[in-house]
Amino acid sequence: MKLVDQKYIKVIALAISLPSSIFALGWFLLRLAEQGVIHKLVALGLIILYVVNTIFLIAYYGSKNKD
């Protein structure tokens, strides 16, 4: 008996990795902002873009492999 169908592996992997990757990316970008390499709004914008892109990929892979 399989725990998860193979067609949902990408969706589950993205959903599980989302919180930790947001934390790591946020920490890294805010450190760059503190050092003056990038502006804080640029760091926030990149974090938001990453979250939106990951949610889009979850929805895309989920609907693509629905059948």
Protein backbone atom coordinates (compact mmCIF):
# COMPACT_ATOMS: atom_id res chain seq x y z
CA MET A 1 0.00 0.00 0.00
CA LYS A 2 1.36 3.39 -1.01
CA LEU A 3 1.07 6.31 1.35
CA VAL A 4 0.98 8.87 -1.46
CA ASP A 5 0.38 8.56 -5.18
CA GLN A 6 3.46 9.35 -7.25
CA LYS A 7 1.58 12.05 -9.14
CA TYR A 8 1.24 14.15 -5.96
CA ILE A 9 4.88 13.96 -4.86
CA LYS A 10 5.80 17.38 -6.34
CA VAL A 11 2.81 19.06 -4.70
CA ILE A 12 3.54 17.54 -1.32
CA ALA A 13 7.25 18.36 -1.56
CA LEU A 14 6.53 22.01 -2.35
CA ALA A 15 3.91 22.29 0.39
CA ILE A 16 6.20 20.75 3.01
CA SER A 17 9.24 22.83 2.05
CA LEU A 18 7.38 26.16 1.81
CA PRO A 19 7.65 27.28 5.48
CA SER A 20 11.32 26.45 5.90
CA SER A 21 12.29 27.95 2.56
CA ILE A 22 10.40 31.17 3.36
CA PHE A 23 12.26 31.37 6.67
CA ALA A 24 15.68 30.76 5.09
CA LEU A 25 15.09 33.15 2.19
CA GLY A 26 13.72 35.81 4.53
CA TRP A 27 16.65 35.50 6.90
CA PHE A 28 19.17 35.73 4.05
CA LEU A 29 17.49 38.69 2.34
CA LEU A 30 17.00 40.63 5.56
CA ARG A 31 20.69 40.16 6.40
CA LEU A 32 21.52 41.61 2.99
CA ALA A 33 19.18 44.51 3.70
CA GLU A 34 20.81 45.16 7.08
CA GLN A 35 24.22 45.31 5.41
CA GLY A 36 22.91 47.76 2.83
CA VAL A 37 23.33 45.48 -0.16
CA ILE A 38 19.62 45.69 -1.04
CA HIS A 39 16.75 47.83 0.19
CA LYS A 40 14.30 46.33 2.69
CA LEU A 41 11.40 46.77 0.29
CA VAL A 42 13.30 44.83 -2.37
CA ALA A 43 13.88 42.02 0.13
CA LEU A 44 10.19 41.99 1.06
CA GLY A 45 9.18 42.03 -2.61
CA LEU A 46 11.42 39.06 -3.38
CA ILE A 47 9.97 37.09 -0.46
CA ILE A 48 6.42 37.83 -1.63
CA LEU A 49 7.29 36.86 -5.20
CA TYR A 50 8.76 33.57 -3.98
CA VAL A 51 5.65 32.74 -1.94
CA VAL A 52 3.29 33.59 -4.81
CA ASN A 53 5.38 31.58 -7.28
CA THR A 54 5.48 28.54 -4.98
CA ILE A 55 1.73 28.67 -4.38
CA PHE A 56 1.20 28.92 -8.14
CA LEU A 57 3.41 25.87 -8.69
CA ILE A 58 1.48 23.91 -6.05
CA ALA A 59 -1.80 24.76 -7.76
CA TYR A 60 -0.37 24.04 -11.22
CA TYR A 61 1.06 20.62 -10.34
CA GLY A 62 -2.06 19.77 -8.36
CA SER A 63 -4.41 20.55 -11.24
CA LYS A 64 -2.09 19.03 -13.87
CA ASN A 65 -1.98 15.68 -12.09
CA LYS A 66 -5.61 15.65 -10.96
CA ASP A 67 -6.61 12.82 -13.26
